[in-house]
């Protein structure tokens, strides 16, 4: 069944609101975000195929403004989460490098560690 521009915009708004709700949760997983972002991308592609620019009514413009406003609030939050994850990843990589460099460092005796890397 062919969806109208109005229906696609309403669905885009619903998906955007759902994304906002999930991103605002402290314990949400980025994988959940990606699922919703993929769905939103499909909706946007459908709107572009229909030639959205040529047929915008006032109600369509209002729906798009709501989506845009939510996006403006969400993107800084998503970027903040992305930076936190990158910091954690960097710390894990740093820990692995330290572990690997001392793994073959030499003998240990009775729980003591003899540092030969000087």
PDB file of N, CA and C in Angstrom:
ATOM      1  N   UNK A   1       0.835  -1.181   0.000  1.00  0.00           N
ATOM      2  CA  UNK A   1       0.000   0.000   0.000  1.00  0.00           C
ATOM      3  C   UNK A   1       0.883   1.250   0.000  1.00  0.00           C
ATOM      4  N   UNK A   2       0.591   2.162  -0.857  1.00  0.00           N
ATOM      5  CA  UNK A   2       1.342   3.410  -1.009  1.00  0.00           C
ATOM      6  C   UNK A   2       0.989   4.354   0.137  1.00  0.00           C
ATOM      7  N   UNK A   3       2.000   4.860   0.812  1.00  0.00           N
ATOM      8  CA  UNK A   3       1.773   5.792   1.915  1.00  0.00           C
ATOM      9  C   UNK A   3       1.852   7.223   1.407  1.00  0.00           C
ATOM     10  N   UNK A   4       1.036   8.064   2.016  1.00  0.00           N
ATOM     11  CA  UNK A   4       1.055   9.475   1.640  1.00  0.00           C
ATOM     12  C   UNK A   4       2.207  10.172   2.358  1.00  0.00           C
ATOM     13  N   UNK A   5       2.518  11.358   1.889  1.00  0.00           N
ATOM     14  CA  UNK A   5       3.577  12.144   2.524  1.00  0.00           C
ATOM     15  C   UNK A   5       3.215  12.423   3.977  1.00  0.00           C
ATOM     16  N   UNK A   6       1.958  12.728   4.217  1.00  0.00           N
ATOM     17  CA  UNK A   6       1.487  13.015   5.579  1.00  0.00           C
ATOM     18  C   UNK A   6       1.730  11.812   6.498  1.00  0.00           C
ATOM     19  N   UNK A   7       1.395  10.620   6.027  1.00  0.00           N
ATOM     20  CA  UNK A   7       1.594   9.412   6.829  1.00  0.00           C
ATOM     21  C   UNK A   7       3.073   9.160   7.095  1.00  0.00           C
ATOM     22  N   UNK A   8       3.898   9.360   6.079  1.00  0.00           N
ATOM     23  CA  UNK A   8       5.334   9.174   6.254  1.00  0.00           C
ATOM     24  C   UNK A   8       5.913  10.174   7.250  1.00  0.00           C
ATOM     25  N   UNK A   9       5.468  11.413   7.175  1.00  0.00           N
ATOM     26  CA  UNK A   9       5.954  12.438   8.108  1.00  0.00           C
ATOM     27  C   UNK A   9       5.507  12.141   9.537  1.00  0.00           C
ATOM     28  N   UNK A  10       4.276  11.674   9.694  1.00  0.00           N
ATOM     29  CA  UNK A  10       3.790  11.325  11.032  1.00  0.00           C
ATOM     30  C   UNK A  10       4.588  10.156  11.602  1.00  0.00           C
ATOM     31  N   UNK A  11       4.886   9.200  10.765  1.00  0.00           N
ATOM     32  CA  UNK A  11       5.681   8.057  11.219  1.00  0.00           C
ATOM     33  C   UNK A  11       7.106   8.499  11.556  1.00  0.00           C
ATOM     34  N   UNK A  12       7.659   9.400  10.755  1.00  0.00           N
ATOM     35  CA  UNK A  12       8.986   9.940  11.045  1.00  0.00           C
ATOM     36  C   UNK A  12       8.993  10.643  12.398  1.00  0.00           C
ATOM     37  N   UNK A  13       7.959  11.403  12.677  1.00  0.00           N
ATOM     38  CA  UNK A  13       7.854  12.081  13.967  1.00  0.00           C
ATOM     39  C   UNK A  13       7.756  11.064  15.104  1.00  0.00           C
ATOM     40  N   UNK A  14       6.960  10.019  14.930  1.00  0.00           N
ATOM     41  CA  UNK A  14       6.830   8.984  15.969  1.00  0.00           C
ATOM     42  C   UNK A  14       8.174   8.308  16.243  1.00  0.00           C
ATOM     43  N   UNK A  15       8.884   7.975  15.177  1.00  0.00           N
ATOM     44  CA  UNK A  15      10.193   7.336  15.333  1.00  0.00           C
ATOM     45  C   UNK A  15      11.188   8.285  16.009  1.00  0.00           C
ATOM     46  N   UNK A  16      11.108   9.550  15.680  1.00  0.00           N
ATOM     47  CA  UNK A  16      11.996  10.538  16.288  1.00  0.00           C
ATOM     48  C   UNK A  16      11.694  10.682  17.772  1.00  0.00           C
ATOM     49  N   UNK A  17      10.421  10.691  18.126  1.00  0.00           N
ATOM     50  CA  UNK A  17      10.032  10.763  19.543  1.00  0.00           C
ATOM     51  C   UNK A  17      10.493   9.513  20.292  1.00  0.00           C
ATOM     52  N   UNK A  18      10.385   8.371  19.639  1.00  0.00           N
ATOM     53  CA  UNK A  18      10.841   7.119  20.251  1.00  0.00           C
ATOM     54  C   UNK A  18      12.350   7.153  20.462  1.00  0.00           C
ATOM     55  N   UNK A  19      13.075   7.685  19.480  1.00  0.00           N
ATOM     56  CA  UNK A  19      14.524   7.822  19.613  1.00  0.00           C
ATOM     57  C   UNK A  19      14.869   8.737  20.779  1.00  0.00           C
ATOM     58  N   UNK A  20      14.162   9.841  20.887  1.00  0.00           N
ATOM     59  CA  UNK A  20      14.413  10.779  21.988  1.00  0.00           C
ATOM     60  C   UNK A  20      14.202  10.092  23.330  1.00  0.00           C
ATOM     61  N   UNK A  21      13.130   9.334  23.437  1.00  0.00           N
ATOM     62  CA  UNK A  21      12.826   8.650  24.686  1.00  0.00           C
ATOM     63  C   UNK A  21      13.940   7.678  25.071  1.00  0.00           C
ATOM     64  N   UNK A  22      14.437   6.944  24.093  1.00  0.00           N
ATOM     65  CA  UNK A  22      15.484   5.958  24.380  1.00  0.00           C
ATOM     66  C   UNK A  22      16.818   6.633  24.690  1.00  0.00           C
ATOM     67  N   UNK A  23      17.164   7.664  23.945  1.00  0.00           N
ATOM     68  CA  UNK A  23      18.448   8.349  24.175  1.00  0.00           C
ATOM     69  C   UNK A  23      18.470   9.006  25.553  1.00  0.00           C
ATOM     70  N   UNK A  24      17.334   9.474  26.021  1.00  0.00           N
ATOM     71  CA  UNK A  24      17.260  10.144  27.322  1.00  0.00           C
ATOM     72  C   UNK A  24      17.434   9.171  28.491  1.00  0.00           C
ATOM     73  N   UNK A  25      17.246   7.882  28.252  1.00  0.00           N
ATOM     74  CA  UNK A  25      17.436   6.896  29.314  1.00  0.00           C
ATOM     75  C   UNK A  25      18.919   6.703  29.562  1.00  0.00           C
ATOM     76  N   UNK A  26      19.298   6.654  30.835  1.00  0.00           N
ATOM     77  CA  UNK A  26      20.716   6.518  31.180  1.00  0.00           C
ATOM     78  C   UNK A  26      21.294   5.171  30.786  1.00  0.00           C
ATOM     79  N   UNK A  27      20.488   4.128  30.840  1.00  0.00           N
ATOM     80  CA  UNK A  27      21.001   2.785  30.593  1.00  0.00           C
ATOM     81  C   UNK A  27      20.687   2.267  29.189  1.00  0.00           C
ATOM     82  N   UNK A  28      20.377   3.166  28.269  1.00  0.00           N
ATOM     83  CA  UNK A  28      20.032   2.727  26.914  1.00  0.00           C
ATOM     84  C   UNK A  28      21.288   2.306  26.151  1.00  0.00           C
ATOM     85  N   UNK A  29      21.079   1.390  25.226  1.00  0.00           N
ATOM     86  CA  UNK A  29      22.177   0.862  24.426  1.00  0.00           C
ATOM     87  C   UNK A  29      22.197   1.523  23.044  1.00  0.00           C
ATOM     88  N   UNK A  30      23.370   1.874  22.552  1.00  0.00           N
ATOM     89  CA  UNK A  30      23.466   2.477  21.214  1.00  0.00           C
ATOM     90  C   UNK A  30      22.901   1.589  20.105  1.00  0.00           C
ATOM     91  N   UNK A  31      22.892   0.266  20.314  1.00  0.00           N
ATOM     92  CA  UNK A  31      22.320  -0.632  19.303  1.00  0.00           C
ATOM     93  C   UNK A  31      20.842  -0.334  19.093  1.00  0.00           C
ATOM     94  N   UNK A  32      20.143   0.004  20.195  1.00  0.00           N
ATOM     95  CA  UNK A  32      18.730   0.378  20.082  1.00  0.00           C
ATOM     96  C   UNK A  32      18.586   1.636  19.231  1.00  0.00           C
ATOM     97  N   UNK A  33      19.492   2.568  19.437  1.00  0.00           N
ATOM     98  CA  UNK A  33      19.444   3.827  18.693  1.00  0.00           C
ATOM     99  C   UNK A  33      19.607   3.558  17.209  1.00  0.00           C
ATOM    100  N   UNK A  34      20.546   2.674  16.886  1.00  0.00           N
ATOM    101  CA  UNK A  34      20.837   2.405  15.480  1.00  0.00           C
ATOM    102  C   UNK A  34      19.632   1.818  14.754  1.00  0.00           C
ATOM    103  N   UNK A  35      18.879   0.969  15.430  1.00  0.00           N
ATOM    104  CA  UNK A  35      17.683   0.395  14.818  1.00  0.00           C
ATOM    105  C   UNK A  35      16.693   1.496  14.442  1.00  0.00           C
ATOM    106  N   UNK A  36      16.483   2.413  15.364  1.00  0.00           N
ATOM    107  CA  UNK A  36      15.537   3.511  15.111  1.00  0.00           C
ATOM    108  C   UNK A  36      16.094   4.457  14.052  1.00  0.00           C
ATOM    109  N   UNK A  37      17.384   4.733  14.123  1.00  0.00           N
ATOM    110  CA  UNK A  37      17.999   5.618  13.123  1.00  0.00           C
ATOM    111  C   UNK A  37      17.895   5.017  11.720  1.00  0.00           C
ATOM    112  N   UNK A  38      18.054   3.691  11.616  1.00  0.00           N
ATOM    113  CA  UNK A  38      17.900   3.031  10.316  1.00  0.00           C
ATOM    114  C   UNK A  38      16.479   3.172   9.795  1.00  0.00           C
ATOM    115  N   UNK A  39      15.508   3.007  10.681  1.00  0.00           N
ATOM    116  CA  UNK A  39      14.100   3.147  10.283  1.00  0.00           C
ATOM    117  C   UNK A  39      13.814   4.576   9.825  1.00  0.00           C
ATOM    118  N   UNK A  40      14.354   5.536  10.561  1.00  0.00           N
ATOM    119  CA  UNK A  40      14.164   6.940  10.168  1.00  0.00           C
ATOM    120  C   UNK A  40      14.789   7.216   8.807  1.00  0.00           C
ATOM    121  N   UNK A  41      15.950   6.626   8.566  1.00  0.00           N
ATOM    122  CA  UNK A  41      16.615   6.827   7.273  1.00  0.00           C
ATOM    123  C   UNK A  41      15.748   6.295   6.132  1.00  0.00           C
ATOM    124  N   UNK A  42      15.129   5.134   6.328  1.00  0.00           N
ATOM    125  CA  UNK A  42      14.246   4.572   5.306  1.00  0.00           C
ATOM    126  C   UNK A  42      13.058   5.503   5.047  1.00  0.00           C
ATOM    127  N   UNK A  43      12.500   6.058   6.119  1.00  0.00           N
ATOM    128  CA  UNK A  43      11.376   6.984   5.957  1.00  0.00           C
ATOM    129  C   UNK A  43      11.791   8.232   5.194  1.00  0.00           C
ATOM    130  N   UNK A  44      12.959   8.751   5.502  1.00  0.00           N
ATOM    131  CA  UNK A  44      13.459   9.948   4.816  1.00  0.00           C
ATOM    132  C   UNK A  44      13.681   9.653   3.332  1.00  0.00           C
ATOM    133  N   UNK A  45      14.224   8.471   3.040  1.00  0.00           N
ATOM    134  CA  UNK A  45      14.418   8.085   1.637  1.00  0.00           C
ATOM    135  C   UNK A  45      13.072   7.997   0.911  1.00  0.00           C
ATOM    136  N   UNK A  46      12.064   7.429   1.574  1.00  0.00           N
ATOM    137  CA  UNK A  46      10.726   7.345   0.976  1.00  0.00           C
ATOM    138  C   UNK A  46      10.163   8.732   0.700  1.00  0.00           C
ATOM    139  N   UNK A  47      10.378   9.640   1.628  1.00  0.00           N
ATOM    140  CA  UNK A  47       9.897  11.020   1.446  1.00  0.00           C
ATOM    141  C   UNK A  47      10.611  11.687   0.274  1.00  0.00           C
ATOM    142  N   UNK A  48      11.895  11.447   0.148  1.00  0.00           N
ATOM    143  CA  UNK A  48      12.651  12.039  -0.956  1.00  0.00           C
ATOM    144  C   UNK A  48      12.189  11.486  -2.295  1.00  0.00           C
ATOM    145  N   UNK A  49      11.869  10.193  -2.319  1.00  0.00           N
ATOM    146  CA  UNK A  49      11.384   9.587  -3.561  1.00  0.00           C
ATOM    147  C   UNK A  49      10.055  10.199  -4.000  1.00  0.00           C
ATOM    148  N   UNK A  50       9.251  10.608  -3.036  1.00  0.00           N
ATOM    149  CA  UNK A  50       7.949  11.194  -3.351  1.00  0.00           C
ATOM    150  C   UNK A  50       8.057  12.659  -3.766  1.00  0.00           C
ATOM    151  N   UNK A  51       9.242  13.212  -3.700  1.00  0.00           N
ATOM    152  CA  UNK A  51       9.415  14.609  -4.076  1.00  0.00           C
ATOM    153  C   UNK A  51       8.870  15.535  -3.017  1.00  0.00           C
ATOM    154  N   UNK A  52       9.295  15.337  -1.806  1.00  0.00           N
ATOM    155  CA  UNK A  52       8.787  16.070  -0.648  1.00  0.00           C
ATOM    156  C   UNK A  52       8.867  17.587  -0.822  1.00  0.00           C
ATOM    157  N   UNK A  53       9.931  18.078  -1.412  1.00  0.00           N
ATOM    158  CA  UNK A  53      10.137  19.523  -1.512  1.00  0.00           C
ATOM    159  C   UNK A  53       9.015  20.218  -2.277  1.00  0.00           C
ATOM    160  N   UNK A  54       8.439  19.528  -3.244  1.00  0.00           N
ATOM    161  CA  UNK A  54       7.440  20.152  -4.112  1.00  0.00           C
ATOM    162  C   UNK A  54       6.040  20.201  -3.508  1.00  0.00           C
ATOM    163  N   UNK A  55       5.741  19.317  -2.561  1.00  0.00           N
ATOM    164  CA  UNK A  55       4.360  19.183  -2.093  1.00  0.00           C
ATOM    165  C   UNK A  55       4.183  19.410  -0.603  1.00  0.00           C
ATOM    166  N   UNK A  56       4.872  20.340  -0.010  1.00  0.00           N
ATOM    167  CA  UNK A  56       4.737  20.564   1.428  1.00  0.00           C
ATOM    168  C   UNK A  56       3.535  21.448   1.753  1.00  0.00           C
ATOM    169  N   UNK A  57       2.662  20.919   2.574  1.00  0.00           N
ATOM    170  CA  UNK A  57       1.549  21.728   3.074  1.00  0.00           C
ATOM    171  C   UNK A  57       1.982  22.338   4.407  1.00  0.00           C
ATOM    172  N   UNK A  58       1.149  23.186   4.950  1.00  0.00           N
ATOM    173  CA  UNK A  58       1.475  23.822   6.234  1.00  0.00           C
ATOM    174  C   UNK A  58       1.573  22.774   7.344  1.00  0.00           C
ATOM    175  N   UNK A  59       0.676  21.790   7.344  1.00  0.00           N
ATOM    176  CA  UNK A  59       0.740  20.751   8.382  1.00  0.00           C
ATOM    177  C   UNK A  59       2.000  19.899   8.221  1.00  0.00           C
ATOM    178  N   UNK A  60       2.417  19.658   6.969  1.00  0.00           N
ATOM    179  CA  UNK A  60       3.660  18.925   6.731  1.00  0.00           C
ATOM    180  C   UNK A  60       4.856  19.707   7.257  1.00  0.00           C
ATOM    181  N   UNK A  61       4.839  21.001   7.045  1.00  0.00           N
ATOM    182  CA  UNK A  61       5.934  21.848   7.536  1.00  0.00           C
ATOM    183  C   UNK A  61       5.998  21.817   9.065  1.00  0.00           C
ATOM    184  N   UNK A  62       4.844  21.798   9.706  1.00  0.00           N
ATOM    185  CA  UNK A  62       4.819  21.741  11.170  1.00  0.00           C
ATOM    186  C   UNK A  62       5.395  20.420  11.684  1.00  0.00           C
ATOM    187  N   UNK A  63       5.049  19.318  11.017  1.00  0.00           N
ATOM    188  CA  UNK A  63       5.608  18.019  11.406  1.00  0.00           C
ATOM    189  C   UNK A  63       7.127  18.005  11.237  1.00  0.00           C
ATOM    190  N   UNK A  64       7.577  18.539  10.115  1.00  0.00           N
ATOM    191  CA  UNK A  64       9.022  18.602   9.878  1.00  0.00           C
ATOM    192  C   UNK A  64       9.726  19.491  10.896  1.00  0.00           C
ATOM    193  N   UNK A  65       9.096  20.595  11.301  1.00  0.00           N
ATOM    194  CA  UNK A  65       9.725  21.469  12.301  1.00  0.00           C
ATOM    195  C   UNK A  65       9.846  20.769  13.639  1.00  0.00           C
ATOM    196  N   UNK A  66       8.844  19.943  13.994  1.00  0.00           N
ATOM    197  CA  UNK A  66       8.926  19.188  15.250  1.00  0.00           C
ATOM    198  C   UNK A  66      10.076  18.190  15.192  1.00  0.00           C
ATOM    199  N   UNK A  67      10.189  17.488  14.069  1.00  0.00           N
ATOM    200  CA  UNK A  67      11.281  16.525  13.902  1.00  0.00           C
ATOM    201  C   UNK A  67      12.620  17.252  13.989  1.00  0.00           C
ATOM    202  N   UNK A  68      12.730  18.389  13.328  1.00  0.00           N
ATOM    203  CA  UNK A  68      13.969  19.162  13.331  1.00  0.00           C
ATOM    204  C   UNK A  68      14.331  19.619  14.749  1.00  0.00           C
ATOM    205  N   UNK A  69      13.339  20.097  15.503  1.00  0.00           N
ATOM    206  CA  UNK A  69      13.591  20.570  16.872  1.00  0.00           C
ATOM    207  C   UNK A  69      14.092  19.429  17.761  1.00  0.00           C
ATOM    208  N   UNK A  70      13.484  18.275  17.624  1.00  0.00           N
ATOM    209  CA  UNK A  70      13.922  17.118  18.413  1.00  0.00           C
ATOM    210  C   UNK A  70      15.339  16.723  18.012  1.00  0.00           C
ATOM    211  N   UNK A  71      15.613  16.724  16.715  1.00  0.00           N
ATOM    212  CA  UNK A  71      16.963  16.398  16.241  1.00  0.00           C
ATOM    213  C   UNK A  71      17.997  17.345  16.837  1.00  0.00           C
ATOM    214  N   UNK A  72      17.665  18.620  16.920  1.00  0.00           N
ATOM    215  CA  UNK A  72      18.598  19.607  17.470  1.00  0.00           C
ATOM    216  C   UNK A  72      18.914  19.318  18.939  1.00  0.00           C
ATOM    217  N   UNK A  73      17.955  18.774  19.669  1.00  0.00           N
ATOM    218  CA  UNK A  73      18.187  18.414  21.077  1.00  0.00           C
ATOM    219  C   UNK A  73      18.950  17.097  21.193  1.00  0.00           C
ATOM    220  N   UNK A  74      18.667  16.170  20.290  1.00  0.00           N
ATOM    221  CA  UNK A  74      19.228  14.820  20.407  1.00  0.00           C
ATOM    222  C   UNK A  74      20.678  14.719  19.968  1.00  0.00           C
ATOM    223  N   UNK A  75      21.035  15.377  18.892  1.00  0.00           N
ATOM    224  CA  UNK A  75      22.370  15.183  18.332  1.00  0.00           C
ATOM    225  C   UNK A  75      23.492  15.528  19.318  1.00  0.00           C
ATOM    226  N   UNK A  76      23.397  16.599  20.108  1.00  0.00           N
ATOM    227  CA  UNK A  76      24.458  16.826  21.106  1.00  0.00           C
ATOM    228  C   UNK A  76      24.526  15.709  22.148  1.00  0.00           C
ATOM    229  N   UNK A  77      23.365  15.165  22.540  1.00  0.00           N
ATOM    230  CA  UNK A  77      23.359  14.067  23.510  1.00  0.00           C
ATOM    231  C   UNK A  77      24.010  12.815  22.925  1.00  0.00           C
ATOM    232  N   UNK A  78      23.675  12.510  21.689  1.00  0.00           N
ATOM    233  CA  UNK A  78      24.255  11.341  21.030  1.00  0.00           C
ATOM    234  C   UNK A  78      25.758  11.531  20.872  1.00  0.00           C
ATOM    235  N   UNK A  79      26.171  12.729  20.517  1.00  0.00           N
ATOM    236  CA  UNK A  79      27.602  13.015  20.374  1.00  0.00           C
ATOM    237  C   UNK A  79      28.318  12.859  21.714  1.00  0.00           C
ATOM    238  N   UNK A  80      27.688  13.287  22.802  1.00  0.00           N
ATOM    239  CA  UNK A  80      28.271  13.115  24.137  1.00  0.00           C
ATOM    240  C   UNK A  80      28.443  11.649  24.487  1.00  0.00           C
ATOM    241  N   UNK A  81      27.414  10.838  24.203  1.00  0.00           N
ATOM    242  CA  UNK A  81      27.513   9.397  24.439  1.00  0.00           C
ATOM    243  C   UNK A  81      28.625   8.786  23.590  1.00  0.00           C
ATOM    244  N   UNK A  82      28.736   9.243  22.373  1.00  0.00           N
ATOM    245  CA  UNK A  82      29.770   8.723  21.463  1.00  0.00           C
ATOM    246  C   UNK A  82      31.156   9.017  22.028  1.00  0.00           C
ATOM    247  N   UNK A  83      31.351  10.217  22.565  1.00  0.00           N
ATOM    248  CA  UNK A  83      32.655  10.574  23.129  1.00  0.00           C
ATOM    249  C   UNK A  83      32.961   9.750  24.384  1.00  0.00           C
ATOM    250  N   UNK A  84      31.936   9.487  25.218  1.00  0.00           N
ATOM    251  CA  UNK A  84      32.137   8.651  26.401  1.00  0.00           C
ATOM    252  C   UNK A  84      32.567   7.250  26.005  1.00  0.00           C
ATOM    253  N   UNK A  85      31.902   6.700  25.006  1.00  0.00           N
ATOM    254  CA  UNK A  85      32.239   5.360  24.539  1.00  0.00           C
ATOM    255  C   UNK A  85      33.655   5.339  23.975  1.00  0.00           C
ATOM    256  N   UNK A  86      34.036   6.380  23.245  1.00  0.00           N
ATOM    257  CA  UNK A  86      35.384   6.454  22.682  1.00  0.00           C
ATOM    258  C   UNK A  86      36.431   6.510  23.792  1.00  0.00           C
ATOM    259  N   UNK A  87      36.151   7.246  24.869  1.00  0.00           N
ATOM    260  CA  UNK A  87      37.087   7.312  26.000  1.00  0.00           C
ATOM    261  C   UNK A  87      37.256   5.933  26.635  1.00  0.00           C
ATOM    262  N   UNK A  88      36.126   5.228  26.832  1.00  0.00           N
ATOM    263  CA  UNK A  88      36.196   3.884  27.417  1.00  0.00           C
ATOM    264  C   UNK A  88      36.984   2.942  26.525  1.00  0.00           C
ATOM    265  N   UNK A  89      36.753   3.039  25.223  1.00  0.00           N
ATOM    266  CA  UNK A  89      37.484   2.196  24.275  1.00  0.00           C
ATOM    267  C   UNK A  89      38.977   2.500  24.323  1.00  0.00           C
ATOM    268  N   UNK A  90      39.322   3.775  24.388  1.00  0.00           N
ATOM    269  CA  UNK A  90      40.739   4.155  24.486  1.00  0.00           C
ATOM    270  C   UNK A  90      41.365   3.601  25.764  1.00  0.00           C
ATOM    271  N   UNK A  91      40.644   3.646  26.878  1.00  0.00           N
ATOM    272  CA  UNK A  91      41.163   3.115  28.146  1.00  0.00           C
ATOM    273  C   UNK A  91      41.383   1.608  28.060  1.00  0.00           C
ATOM    274  N   UNK A  92      40.447   0.903  27.427  1.00  0.00           N
ATOM    275  CA  UNK A  92      40.601  -0.546  27.264  1.00  0.00           C
ATOM    276  C   UNK A  92      41.825  -0.847  26.410  1.00  0.00           C
ATOM    277  N   UNK A  93      41.993  -0.122  25.321  1.00  0.00           N
ATOM    278  CA  UNK A  93      43.150  -0.344  24.455  1.00  0.00           C
ATOM    279  C   UNK A  93      44.455  -0.041  25.191  1.00  0.00           C
ATOM    280  N   UNK A  94      44.455   1.012  25.993  1.00  0.00           N
ATOM    281  CA  UNK A  94      45.643   1.373  26.761  1.00  0.00           C
ATOM    282  C   UNK A  94      45.974   0.268  27.770  1.00  0.00           C
ATOM    283  N   UNK A  95      44.941  -0.262  28.418  1.00  0.00           N
ATOM    284  CA  UNK A  95      45.145  -1.350  29.386  1.00  0.00           C
ATOM    285  C   UNK A  95      45.705  -2.588  28.706  1.00  0.00           C
ATOM    286  N   UNK A  96      45.216  -2.906  27.522  1.00  0.00           N
ATOM    287  CA  UNK A  96      45.717  -4.060  26.779  1.00  0.00           C
ATOM    288  C   UNK A  96      47.182  -3.881  26.416  1.00  0.00           C
ATOM    289  N   UNK A  97      47.539  -2.672  26.004  1.00  0.00           N
ATOM    290  CA  UNK A  97      48.932  -2.416  25.631  1.00  0.00           C
ATOM    291  C   UNK A  97      49.850  -2.607  26.835  1.00  0.00           C
ATOM    292  N   UNK A  98      49.436  -2.107  27.996  1.00  0.00           N
ATOM    293  CA  UNK A  98      50.246  -2.246  29.210  1.00  0.00           C
ATOM    294  C   UNK A  98      50.366  -3.713  29.582  1.00  0.00           C
ATOM    295  N   UNK A  99      49.253  -4.423  29.546  1.00  0.00           N
ATOM    296  CA  UNK A  99      49.273  -5.851  29.879  1.00  0.00           C
ATOM    297  C   UNK A  99      50.183  -6.619  28.941  1.00  0.00           C
ATOM    298  N   UNK A 100      50.078  -6.336  27.651  1.00  0.00           N
ATOM    299  CA  UNK A 100      50.913  -7.035  26.672  1.00  0.00           C
ATOM    300  C   UNK A 100      52.386  -6.704  26.847  1.00  0.00           C
ATOM    301  N   UNK A 101      52.709  -5.483  27.179  1.00  0.00           N
ATOM    302  CA  UNK A 101      54.117  -5.110  27.300  1.00  0.00           C
ATOM    303  C   UNK A 101      54.752  -5.724  28.541  1.00  0.00           C
ATOM    304  N   UNK A 102      53.982  -5.974  29.595  1.00  0.00           N
ATOM    305  CA  UNK A 102      54.537  -6.565  30.813  1.00  0.00           C
ATOM    306  C   UNK A 102      54.315  -8.065  30.897  1.00  0.00           C
ATOM    307  N   UNK A 103      53.595  -8.630  29.975  1.00  0.00           N
ATOM    308  CA  UNK A 103      53.300 -10.050  30.029  1.00  0.00           C
ATOM    309  C   UNK A 103      54.572 -10.890  29.898  1.00  0.00           C
ATOM    310  N   UNK A 104      55.440 -10.474  29.035  1.00  0.00           N
ATOM    311  CA  UNK A 104      56.685 -11.210  28.819  1.00  0.00           C
ATOM    312  C   UNK A 104      57.864 -10.529  29.514  1.00  0.00           C
ATOM    313  N   UNK A 105      57.603  -9.769  30.545  1.00  0.00           N
ATOM    314  CA  UNK A 105      58.638  -8.967  31.181  1.00  0.00           C
ATOM    315  C   UNK A 105      59.629  -9.799  31.976  1.00  0.00           C
ATOM    316  N   UNK A 106      59.248 -10.962  32.386  1.00  0.00           N
ATOM    317  CA  UNK A 106      60.213 -11.767  33.120  1.00  0.00           C
ATOM    318  C   UNK A 106      59.586 -12.463  34.301  1.00  0.00           C
ATOM    319  N   UNK A 107      60.450 -12.900  35.185  1.00  0.00           N
ATOM    320  CA  UNK A 107      59.978 -13.742  36.289  1.00  0.00           C
ATOM    321  C   UNK A 107      59.201 -12.949  37.332  1.00  0.00           C
ATOM    322  N   UNK A 108      58.276 -13.645  37.908  1.00  0.00           N
ATOM    323  CA  UNK A 108      57.586 -13.119  39.080  1.00  0.00           C
ATOM    324  C   UNK A 108      57.751 -14.167  40.158  1.00  0.00           C
ATOM    325  N   UNK A 109      57.882 -13.741  41.362  1.00  0.00           N
ATOM    326  CA  UNK A 109      58.085 -14.706  42.438  1.00  0.00           C
ATOM    327  C   UNK A 109      57.192 -14.415  43.616  1.00  0.00           C
ATOM    328  N   UNK A 110      56.488 -15.414  44.053  1.00  0.00           N
ATOM    329  CA  UNK A 110      55.630 -15.321  45.233  1.00  0.00           C
ATOM    330  C   UNK A 110      54.683 -14.130  45.178  1.00  0.00           C
ATOM    331  N   UNK A 111      54.132 -13.890  44.033  1.00  0.00           N
ATOM    332  CA  UNK A 111      53.174 -12.801  43.882  1.00  0.00           C
ATOM    333  C   UNK A 111      53.840 -11.457  43.683  1.00  0.00           C
ATOM    334  N   UNK A 112      55.158 -11.402  43.761  1.00  0.00           N
ATOM    335  CA  UNK A 112      55.856 -10.133  43.557  1.00  0.00           C
ATOM    336  C   UNK A 112      56.096  -9.947  42.065  1.00  0.00           C
ATOM    337  N   UNK A 113      56.154  -8.730  41.661  1.00  0.00           N
ATOM    338  CA  UNK A 113      56.370  -8.420  40.249  1.00  0.00           C
ATOM    339  C   UNK A 113      57.708  -7.721  40.122  1.00  0.00           C
ATOM    340  N   UNK A 114      58.566  -8.270  39.292  1.00  0.00           N
ATOM    341  CA  UNK A 114      59.875  -7.662  39.046  1.00  0.00           C
ATOM    342  C   UNK A 114      59.834  -6.923  37.733  1.00  0.00           C
ATOM    343  N   UNK A 115      59.928  -5.627  37.809  1.00  0.00           N
ATOM    344  CA  UNK A 115      59.827  -4.782  36.612  1.00  0.00           C
ATOM    345  C   UNK A 115      61.191  -4.680  35.949  1.00  0.00           C
ATOM    346  N   UNK A 116      61.319  -5.220  34.747  1.00  0.00           N
ATOM    347  CA  UNK A 116      62.569  -5.157  34.002  1.00  0.00           C
ATOM    348  C   UNK A 116      62.529  -4.059  32.952  1.00  0.00           C
ATOM    349  N   UNK A 117      61.403  -3.388  32.790  1.00  0.00           N
ATOM    350  CA  UNK A 117      61.267  -2.359  31.753  1.00  0.00           C
ATOM    351  C   UNK A 117      61.672  -1.003  32.317  1.00  0.00           C
ATOM    352  N   UNK A 118      62.951  -0.724  32.352  1.00  0.00           N
ATOM    353  CA  UNK A 118      63.395   0.571  32.858  1.00  0.00           C
ATOM    354  C   UNK A 118      64.185   1.289  31.834  1.00  0.00           C
TER     355      UNK A 118
END
